[in-house]
Amino acid sequence: MNFNIHTIWLILFIGWGLPLSIYRSKFRKIVYQTDSWVINIKPVFLKEIKGLFGNIYPANHQYLKFRNFYRLYLGIYLLLFILYFSFK
């Protein structure tokens, strides 16, 4: 039974985590205002964190909509981790 629970958690984490790289890439391209793929491998995080928790482009509706979606996505991811460690 314990093996089945861990298998279910693994499937949940993999299934929910697969689109993370796509969403993060899209968010970073909006925040840094670039279409270059290089932004995905650069170790710059300060503006990204400000963009996630703040409002760096209040007039950009695409940014605001995607930021709120990304917050929700990461919030559910955090909730999965909390539930996993609380039931462990």
Foldseek 3Di string as FASTA:
>chain_A
DVVVVVVVLVCVLCVLCVCVLVLVQVLQCVQVVHPDPVSSVDPDCPSVVCLLPHPPDVPDPVSVVSSVVVNVSVVVSVVSVVVVVVVD
